[in-house]
Amino acid sequence: MARVLLWLFVLNLGLAFGAGMYEGRITLHDWLVSSADGTLHWNAEAAQRHNSGVRFWVFVTTVPLTLLTVANLIAAWRTTGALREWWLTAAVFALGDRIFTFAYFIPVMVGLLHAPDSPEAVKTAVQWANLNYIRHALVLTAWLAALKAFSLASSE
């Protein structure tokens, strides 16, 4: 059962990282748009139209990755040696992502979805986008550590 949890964790982290990169490179540009003079504007309508939080993220990370993170923390705690170190590292970084997501990213985006275009909304959206790089780094680190743990578990 522990190996299945780790395998699902690796898959979900990879999917979360790839989807996060896609959102940051592709869809975010629909939400924050530049006018001809270079001024940024918040496009809540585009963010609502994409509605990636409800249409995608809830099914990939909000529920599954959160549950997998907790389950993998428990499973990793029960192992020993290098496998434990790598697996716990992965789970702790994923937990950091989950905490950051629930404490900051979800509430801020919910507010932005209903915010009119204003300098404050643009400032908040730019900050959200910039902090997202930290979240990507957390997920990438968790994913790479989980891959290392998976390779160690497979060799046992």
N, C-alpha and C. Protein backbone atom coordinates (compact mmCIF):
# COMPACT_ATOMS: atom_id res chain seq x y z
N MET A 1 0.82 -1.20 0.00
CA MET A 1 0.00 0.00 0.00
C MET A 1 0.87 1.27 0.00
N ALA A 2 1.97 1.22 0.74
CA ALA A 2 2.84 2.40 0.83
C ALA A 2 3.43 2.75 -0.54
N ARG A 3 3.82 1.74 -1.30
CA ARG A 3 4.39 2.00 -2.63
C ARG A 3 3.34 2.58 -3.58
N VAL A 4 2.12 2.14 -3.44
CA VAL A 4 1.03 2.69 -4.26
C VAL A 4 0.82 4.16 -3.91
N LEU A 5 0.84 4.47 -2.62
CA LEU A 5 0.70 5.87 -2.20
C LEU A 5 1.83 6.73 -2.77
N LEU A 6 3.05 6.21 -2.70
CA LEU A 6 4.19 6.95 -3.23
C LEU A 6 4.08 7.11 -4.75
N TRP A 7 3.67 6.07 -5.44
CA TRP A 7 3.50 6.12 -6.89
C TRP A 7 2.44 7.17 -7.26
N LEU A 8 1.30 7.17 -6.56
CA LEU A 8 0.25 8.17 -6.82
C LEU A 8 0.74 9.57 -6.50
N PHE A 9 1.54 9.69 -5.45
CA PHE A 9 2.11 10.98 -5.05
C PHE A 9 3.01 11.53 -6.15
N VAL A 10 3.89 10.67 -6.68
CA VAL A 10 4.78 11.07 -7.77
C VAL A 10 3.97 11.53 -8.98
N LEU A 11 2.97 10.76 -9.37
CA LEU A 11 2.14 11.12 -10.52
C LEU A 11 1.41 12.43 -10.30
N ASN A 12 0.82 12.59 -9.13
CA ASN A 12 0.04 13.79 -8.87
C ASN A 12 0.92 15.03 -8.78
N LEU A 13 2.08 14.90 -8.17
CA LEU A 13 3.00 16.04 -8.11
C LEU A 13 3.47 16.45 -9.49
N GLY A 14 3.76 15.48 -10.34
CA GLY A 14 4.16 15.79 -11.72
C GLY A 14 3.06 16.49 -12.48
N LEU A 15 1.85 16.01 -12.33
CA LEU A 15 0.71 16.65 -12.97
C LEU A 15 0.49 18.06 -12.44
N ALA A 16 0.59 18.22 -11.13
CA ALA A 16 0.41 19.55 -10.52
C ALA A 16 1.49 20.52 -10.99
N PHE A 17 2.73 20.05 -11.09
CA PHE A 17 3.80 20.94 -11.54
C PHE A 17 3.58 21.36 -12.99
N GLY A 18 3.31 20.39 -13.84
CA GLY A 18 3.09 20.69 -15.25
C GLY A 18 1.90 21.61 -15.47
N ALA A 19 0.82 21.35 -14.79
CA ALA A 19 -0.37 22.18 -14.93
C ALA A 19 -0.13 23.59 -14.38
N GLY A 20 0.62 23.67 -13.30
CA GLY A 20 0.96 24.99 -12.75
C GLY A 20 1.81 25.81 -13.69
N MET A 21 2.76 25.14 -14.34
CA MET A 21 3.58 25.84 -15.33
C MET A 21 2.72 26.30 -16.50
N TYR A 22 1.83 25.44 -16.95
CA TYR A 22 0.93 25.80 -18.05
C TYR A 22 0.07 27.00 -17.68
N GLU A 23 -0.52 26.96 -16.51
CA GLU A 23 -1.37 28.08 -16.09
C GLU A 23 -0.57 29.38 -16.04
N GLY A 24 0.64 29.31 -15.48
CA GLY A 24 1.46 30.51 -15.38
C GLY A 24 1.92 31.05 -16.73
N ARG A 25 2.18 30.16 -17.67
CA ARG A 25 2.68 30.59 -18.99
C ARG A 25 1.57 30.92 -19.98
N ILE A 26 0.40 30.29 -19.85
CA ILE A 26 -0.65 30.44 -20.86
C ILE A 26 -1.86 31.22 -20.33
N THR A 27 -2.53 30.71 -19.33
CA THR A 27 -3.80 31.32 -18.93
C THR A 27 -3.64 32.61 -18.16
N LEU A 28 -2.57 32.74 -17.41
CA LEU A 28 -2.37 33.97 -16.63
C LEU A 28 -2.33 35.20 -17.52
N HIS A 29 -1.87 35.04 -18.75
CA HIS A 29 -1.78 36.17 -19.67
C HIS A 29 -3.16 36.64 -20.15
N ASP A 30 -4.16 35.80 -19.97
CA ASP A 30 -5.54 36.24 -20.25
C ASP A 30 -6.11 37.02 -19.07
N TRP A 31 -5.61 36.75 -17.89
CA TRP A 31 -6.13 37.41 -16.69
C TRP A 31 -5.49 38.77 -16.47
N LEU A 32 -4.21 38.85 -16.69
CA LEU A 32 -3.47 40.11 -16.57
C LEU A 32 -3.07 40.54 -17.98
N VAL A 33 -3.70 41.56 -18.49
CA VAL A 33 -3.45 41.97 -19.87
C VAL A 33 -2.85 43.37 -19.90
N SER A 34 -2.01 43.58 -20.89
CA SER A 34 -1.39 44.90 -21.08
C SER A 34 -2.16 45.68 -22.12
N SER A 35 -2.38 46.95 -21.82
CA SER A 35 -3.00 47.82 -22.82
C SER A 35 -1.90 48.32 -23.75
N ALA A 36 -2.28 49.09 -24.74
CA ALA A 36 -1.33 49.59 -25.74
C ALA A 36 -0.21 50.41 -25.10
N ASP A 37 -0.52 51.08 -24.01
CA ASP A 37 0.50 51.91 -23.34
C ASP A 37 1.33 51.11 -22.33
N GLY A 38 1.07 49.80 -22.23
CA GLY A 38 1.86 48.96 -21.34
C GLY A 38 1.29 48.82 -19.93
N THR A 39 0.17 49.48 -19.68
CA THR A 39 -0.46 49.39 -18.36
C THR A 39 -1.13 48.03 -18.22
N LEU A 40 -0.92 47.40 -17.07
CA LEU A 40 -1.56 46.11 -16.80
C LEU A 40 -2.99 46.33 -16.33
N HIS A 41 -3.86 45.39 -16.73
CA HIS A 41 -5.26 45.42 -16.30
C HIS A 41 -5.67 44.03 -15.84
N TRP A 42 -6.52 43.98 -14.82
CA TRP A 42 -7.04 42.72 -14.32
C TRP A 42 -8.33 42.40 -15.08
N ASN A 43 -8.38 41.22 -15.67
CA ASN A 43 -9.54 40.78 -16.44
C ASN A 43 -10.23 39.66 -15.67
N ALA A 44 -11.10 40.03 -14.73
CA ALA A 44 -11.80 39.04 -13.90
C ALA A 44 -12.69 38.15 -14.76
N GLU A 45 -13.24 38.70 -15.83
CA GLU A 45 -14.11 37.91 -16.70
C GLU A 45 -13.35 36.73 -17.31
N ALA A 46 -12.12 36.97 -17.74
CA ALA A 46 -11.32 35.88 -18.31
C ALA A 46 -10.98 34.85 -17.23
N ALA A 47 -10.65 35.31 -16.04
CA ALA A 47 -10.35 34.39 -14.94
C ALA A 47 -11.58 33.56 -14.59
N GLN A 48 -12.74 34.19 -14.59
CA GLN A 48 -13.99 33.46 -14.31
C GLN A 48 -14.29 32.47 -15.43
N ARG A 49 -14.04 32.87 -16.66
CA ARG A 49 -14.29 32.00 -17.80
C ARG A 49 -13.42 30.74 -17.72
N HIS A 50 -12.15 30.93 -17.40
CA HIS A 50 -11.26 29.77 -17.23
C HIS A 50 -11.68 28.96 -16.01
N ASN A 51 -11.93 29.67 -14.91
CA ASN A 51 -12.35 29.07 -13.64
C ASN A 51 -11.58 27.79 -13.35
N SER A 52 -10.28 27.87 -13.48
CA SER A 52 -9.44 26.68 -13.34
C SER A 52 -9.48 26.09 -11.93
N GLY A 53 -9.77 26.91 -10.93
CA GLY A 53 -9.85 26.39 -9.58
C GLY A 53 -10.94 25.35 -9.43
N VAL A 54 -12.09 25.62 -10.01
CA VAL A 54 -13.23 24.71 -9.90
C VAL A 54 -13.23 23.67 -11.02
N ARG A 55 -12.76 24.06 -12.18
CA ARG A 55 -12.82 23.16 -13.34
C ARG A 55 -11.65 22.18 -13.40
N PHE A 56 -10.55 22.51 -12.71
CA PHE A 56 -9.38 21.65 -12.81
C PHE A 56 -8.71 21.40 -11.45
N TRP A 57 -8.26 22.46 -10.78
CA TRP A 57 -7.42 22.31 -9.60
C TRP A 57 -8.07 21.52 -8.49
N VAL A 58 -9.36 21.68 -8.28
CA VAL A 58 -10.03 20.95 -7.20
C VAL A 58 -9.90 19.44 -7.39
N PHE A 59 -9.87 19.00 -8.65
CA PHE A 59 -9.79 17.57 -8.95
C PHE A 59 -8.35 17.05 -9.00
N VAL A 60 -7.39 17.94 -9.09
CA VAL A 60 -5.99 17.53 -9.22
C VAL A 60 -5.21 17.76 -7.93
N THR A 61 -5.39 18.92 -7.32
CA THR A 61 -4.58 19.20 -6.13
C THR A 61 -5.39 19.49 -4.87
N THR A 62 -6.42 20.29 -4.98
CA THR A 62 -7.12 20.71 -3.77
C THR A 62 -7.53 19.52 -2.93
N VAL A 63 -8.14 18.53 -3.53
CA VAL A 63 -8.53 17.33 -2.79
C VAL A 63 -7.47 16.23 -2.90
N PRO A 64 -7.15 15.76 -4.13
CA PRO A 64 -6.24 14.60 -4.20
C PRO A 64 -4.84 14.84 -3.65
N LEU A 65 -4.21 15.93 -4.03
CA LEU A 65 -2.84 16.15 -3.56
C LEU A 65 -2.81 16.39 -2.05
N THR A 66 -3.82 17.03 -1.54
CA THR A 66 -3.87 17.25 -0.09
C THR A 66 -3.98 15.92 0.65
N LEU A 67 -4.88 15.05 0.20
CA LEU A 67 -5.03 13.74 0.83
C LEU A 67 -3.78 12.88 0.64
N LEU A 68 -3.21 12.92 -0.56
CA LEU A 68 -1.98 12.16 -0.81
C LEU A 68 -0.82 12.68 0.03
N THR A 69 -0.76 13.97 0.24
CA THR A 69 0.31 14.54 1.06
C THR A 69 0.23 14.02 2.49
N VAL A 70 -0.96 14.06 3.06
CA VAL A 70 -1.13 13.56 4.43
C VAL A 70 -0.82 12.07 4.50
N ALA A 71 -1.36 11.30 3.57
CA ALA A 71 -1.12 9.85 3.57
C ALA A 71 0.36 9.54 3.39
N ASN A 72 1.04 10.29 2.54
CA ASN A 72 2.47 10.05 2.31
C ASN A 72 3.32 10.50 3.48
N LEU A 73 2.90 11.53 4.19
CA LEU A 73 3.61 11.91 5.42
C LEU A 73 3.58 10.75 6.41
N ILE A 74 2.42 10.15 6.57
CA ILE A 74 2.26 9.04 7.50
C ILE A 74 3.08 7.83 7.03
N ALA A 75 2.95 7.50 5.76
CA ALA A 75 3.69 6.35 5.23
C ALA A 75 5.19 6.57 5.31
N ALA A 76 5.64 7.77 4.98
CA ALA A 76 7.08 8.06 5.02
C ALA A 76 7.61 7.99 6.44
N TRP A 77 6.84 8.45 7.38
CA TRP A 77 7.26 8.44 8.79
C TRP A 77 7.54 7.02 9.27
N ARG A 78 6.84 6.05 8.69
CA ARG A 78 6.94 4.66 9.12
C ARG A 78 8.07 3.90 8.43
N THR A 79 8.80 4.54 7.53
CA THR A 79 9.90 3.87 6.85
C THR A 79 11.22 4.23 7.53
N THR A 80 12.31 3.71 7.00
CA THR A 80 13.62 3.97 7.59
C THR A 80 14.63 4.29 6.49
N GLY A 81 15.78 4.76 6.92
CA GLY A 81 16.92 4.97 6.03
C GLY A 81 16.73 6.11 5.04
N ALA A 82 17.45 5.97 3.93
CA ALA A 82 17.45 7.02 2.91
C ALA A 82 16.06 7.19 2.30
N LEU A 83 15.33 6.09 2.17
CA LEU A 83 13.96 6.19 1.65
C LEU A 83 13.13 7.13 2.50
N ARG A 84 13.24 6.98 3.80
CA ARG A 84 12.48 7.84 4.72
C ARG A 84 12.86 9.31 4.54
N GLU A 85 14.14 9.58 4.45
CA GLU A 85 14.60 10.96 4.31
C GLU A 85 14.06 11.62 3.05
N TRP A 86 14.17 10.92 1.91
CA TRP A 86 13.70 11.49 0.65
C TRP A 86 12.18 11.61 0.63
N TRP A 87 11.51 10.60 1.15
CA TRP A 87 10.05 10.58 1.15
C TRP A 87 9.49 11.67 2.07
N LEU A 88 10.09 11.79 3.26
CA LEU A 88 9.66 12.86 4.16
C LEU A 88 9.95 14.24 3.57
N THR A 89 11.07 14.39 2.91
CA THR A 89 11.39 15.66 2.25
C THR A 89 10.31 16.00 1.23
N ALA A 90 9.94 15.03 0.43
CA ALA A 90 8.89 15.25 -0.57
C ALA A 90 7.58 15.64 0.10
N ALA A 91 7.21 14.91 1.12
CA ALA A 91 5.94 15.17 1.79
C ALA A 91 5.93 16.52 2.50
N VAL A 92 7.04 16.90 3.10
CA VAL A 92 7.11 18.19 3.80
C VAL A 92 7.04 19.35 2.81
N PHE A 93 7.72 19.24 1.68
CA PHE A 93 7.62 20.30 0.67
C PHE A 93 6.21 20.37 0.08
N ALA A 94 5.60 19.22 -0.13
CA ALA A 94 4.21 19.21 -0.61
C ALA A 94 3.28 19.81 0.43
N LEU A 95 3.54 19.52 1.70
CA LEU A 95 2.73 20.11 2.77
C LEU A 95 2.89 21.63 2.78
N GLY A 96 4.11 22.10 2.56
CA GLY A 96 4.33 23.55 2.46
C GLY A 96 3.51 24.17 1.34
N ASP A 97 3.49 23.48 0.19
CA ASP A 97 2.66 23.94 -0.92
C ASP A 97 1.19 23.96 -0.55
N ARG A 98 0.73 22.91 0.12
CA ARG A 98 -0.68 22.82 0.48
C ARG A 98 -1.06 23.93 1.45
N ILE A 99 -0.21 24.20 2.44
CA ILE A 99 -0.47 25.27 3.41
C ILE A 99 -0.51 26.62 2.71
N PHE A 100 0.49 26.89 1.87
CA PHE A 100 0.57 28.14 1.12
C PHE A 100 -0.67 28.30 0.23
N THR A 101 -1.08 27.22 -0.40
CA THR A 101 -2.24 27.25 -1.30
C THR A 101 -3.52 27.60 -0.54
N PHE A 102 -3.77 26.92 0.57
CA PHE A 102 -5.00 27.15 1.31
C PHE A 102 -4.99 28.47 2.08
N ALA A 103 -3.82 28.88 2.55
CA ALA A 103 -3.73 30.11 3.34
C ALA A 103 -3.70 31.37 2.48
N TYR A 104 -3.13 31.27 1.28
CA TYR A 104 -2.97 32.46 0.45
C TYR A 104 -3.62 32.34 -0.93
N PHE A 105 -3.21 31.36 -1.72
CA PHE A 105 -3.58 31.35 -3.14
C PHE A 105 -5.08 31.21 -3.39
N ILE A 106 -5.73 30.30 -2.71
CA ILE A 106 -7.16 30.13 -2.93
C ILE A 106 -7.95 31.36 -2.48
N PRO A 107 -7.74 31.85 -1.25
CA PRO A 107 -8.52 33.03 -0.84
C PRO A 107 -8.28 34.27 -1.71
N VAL A 108 -7.04 34.49 -2.11
CA VAL A 108 -6.75 35.66 -2.93
C VAL A 108 -7.40 35.52 -4.31
N MET A 109 -7.32 34.35 -4.91
CA MET A 109 -7.93 34.17 -6.22
C MET A 109 -9.45 34.28 -6.15
N VAL A 110 -10.05 33.78 -5.10
CA VAL A 110 -11.51 33.92 -4.93
C VAL A 110 -11.87 35.40 -4.89
N GLY A 111 -11.08 36.19 -4.19
CA GLY A 111 -11.32 37.64 -4.17
C GLY A 111 -11.10 38.28 -5.51
N LEU A 112 -10.06 37.86 -6.22
CA LEU A 112 -9.77 38.44 -7.53
C LEU A 112 -10.85 38.11 -8.56
N LEU A 113 -11.46 36.95 -8.43
CA LEU A 113 -12.50 36.57 -9.39
C LEU A 113 -13.67 37.54 -9.41
N HIS A 114 -13.85 38.26 -8.32
CA HIS A 114 -14.96 39.20 -8.22
C HIS A 114 -14.49 40.66 -8.16
N ALA A 115 -13.21 40.88 -8.41
CA ALA A 115 -12.65 42.23 -8.31
C ALA A 115 -12.74 42.95 -9.65
N PRO A 116 -13.15 44.20 -9.62
CA PRO A 116 -13.12 44.98 -10.86
C PRO A 116 -11.68 45.35 -11.20
N ASP A 117 -11.45 45.72 -12.45
CA ASP A 117 -10.13 46.17 -12.87
C ASP A 117 -9.79 47.44 -12.10
N SER A 118 -8.70 47.41 -11.38
CA SER A 118 -8.24 48.56 -10.60
C SER A 118 -6.76 48.38 -10.33
N PRO A 119 -6.07 49.45 -9.95
CA PRO A 119 -4.64 49.30 -9.60
C PRO A 119 -4.43 48.31 -8.46
N GLU A 120 -5.37 48.27 -7.51
CA GLU A 120 -5.24 47.34 -6.39
C GLU A 120 -5.38 45.89 -6.86
N ALA A 121 -6.35 45.64 -7.75
CA ALA A 121 -6.53 44.28 -8.27
C ALA A 121 -5.31 43.85 -9.08
N VAL A 122 -4.76 44.75 -9.86
CA VAL A 122 -3.57 44.44 -10.65
C VAL A 122 -2.41 44.14 -9.72
N LYS A 123 -2.23 44.96 -8.70
CA LYS A 123 -1.14 44.74 -7.74
C LYS A 123 -1.28 43.38 -7.06
N THR A 124 -2.50 43.04 -6.65
CA THR A 124 -2.75 41.76 -6.01
C THR A 124 -2.50 40.60 -6.97
N ALA A 125 -2.96 40.73 -8.21
CA ALA A 125 -2.78 39.67 -9.21
C ALA A 125 -1.30 39.49 -9.55
N VAL A 126 -0.56 40.58 -9.65
CA VAL A 126 0.88 40.48 -9.94
C VAL A 126 1.59 39.80 -8.76
N GLN A 127 1.23 40.17 -7.54
CA GLN A 127 1.82 39.53 -6.37
C GLN A 127 1.47 38.04 -6.35
N TRP A 128 0.23 37.71 -6.65
CA TRP A 128 -0.21 36.31 -6.70
C TRP A 128 0.64 35.55 -7.73
N ALA A 129 0.82 36.14 -8.90
CA ALA A 129 1.60 35.50 -9.96
C ALA A 129 3.06 35.34 -9.55
N ASN A 130 3.63 36.36 -8.92
CA ASN A 130 5.04 36.28 -8.50
C ASN A 130 5.25 35.26 -7.39
N LEU A 131 4.34 35.22 -6.43
CA LEU A 131 4.45 34.24 -5.35
C LEU A 131 4.22 32.81 -5.86
N ASN A 132 3.55 32.70 -6.98
CA ASN A 132 3.30 31.40 -7.57
C ASN A 132 4.62 30.70 -7.94
N TYR A 133 5.67 31.48 -8.22
CA TYR A 133 6.97 30.87 -8.50
C TYR A 133 7.49 30.10 -7.29
N ILE A 134 7.21 30.62 -6.10
CA ILE A 134 7.61 29.91 -4.88
C ILE A 134 6.84 28.60 -4.78
N ARG A 135 5.56 28.67 -5.09
CA ARG A 135 4.74 27.46 -5.04
C ARG A 135 5.23 26.44 -6.07
N HIS A 136 5.58 26.90 -7.26
CA HIS A 136 6.14 25.99 -8.27
C HIS A 136 7.42 25.33 -7.76
N ALA A 137 8.26 26.11 -7.09
CA ALA A 137 9.51 25.57 -6.56
C ALA A 137 9.24 24.52 -5.48
N LEU A 138 8.25 24.77 -4.64
CA LEU A 138 7.89 23.79 -3.61
C LEU A 138 7.42 22.48 -4.25
N VAL A 139 6.55 22.60 -5.25
CA VAL A 139 6.02 21.39 -5.90
C VAL A 139 7.12 20.67 -6.66
N LEU A 140 7.98 21.41 -7.36
CA LEU A 140 9.08 20.78 -8.09
C LEU A 140 10.01 20.04 -7.14
N THR A 141 10.35 20.67 -6.03
CA THR A 141 11.23 20.03 -5.04
C THR A 141 10.57 18.78 -4.48
N ALA A 142 9.28 18.88 -4.16
CA ALA A 142 8.54 17.71 -3.66
C ALA A 142 8.54 16.60 -4.70
N TRP A 143 8.30 16.96 -5.94
CA TRP A 143 8.24 15.97 -7.02
C TRP A 143 9.58 15.27 -7.20
N LEU A 144 10.66 16.04 -7.26
CA LEU A 144 11.99 15.45 -7.44
C LEU A 144 12.37 14.56 -6.26
N ALA A 145 12.06 15.00 -5.05
CA ALA A 145 12.36 14.18 -3.87
C ALA A 145 11.50 12.91 -3.88
N ALA A 146 10.24 13.03 -4.30
CA ALA A 146 9.36 11.86 -4.39
C ALA A 146 9.87 10.88 -5.45
N LEU A 147 10.37 11.41 -6.56
CA LEU A 147 10.95 10.54 -7.59
C LEU A 147 12.16 9.79 -7.05
N LYS A 148 12.99 10.48 -6.29
CA LYS A 148 14.16 9.83 -5.67
C LYS A 148 13.69 8.76 -4.69
N ALA A 149 12.70 9.09 -3.88
CA ALA A 149 12.16 8.10 -2.93
C ALA A 149 11.58 6.91 -3.69
N PHE A 150 10.89 7.17 -4.78
CA PHE A 150 10.31 6.09 -5.57
C PHE A 150 11.40 5.19 -6.14
N SER A 151 12.49 5.79 -6.60
CA SER A 151 13.58 4.97 -7.14
C SER A 151 14.22 4.12 -6.03
N LEU A 152 14.31 4.69 -4.83
CA LEU A 152 14.86 3.90 -3.70
C LEU A 152 13.90 2.80 -3.30
N ALA A 153 12.62 3.09 -3.29
CA ALA A 153 11.62 2.08 -2.91
C ALA A 153 11.58 0.96 -3.94
N SER A 154 11.80 1.30 -5.19
CA SER A 154 11.75 0.29 -6.26
C SER A 154 12.96 -0.63 -6.22
N SER A 155 14.06 -0.13 -5.67
CA SER A 155 15.27 -0.95 -5.62
C SER A 155 15.33 -1.84 -4.39
N GLU A 156 14.40 -1.66 -3.48
CA GLU A 156 14.38 -2.49 -2.26
C GLU A 156 13.77 -3.83 -2.52
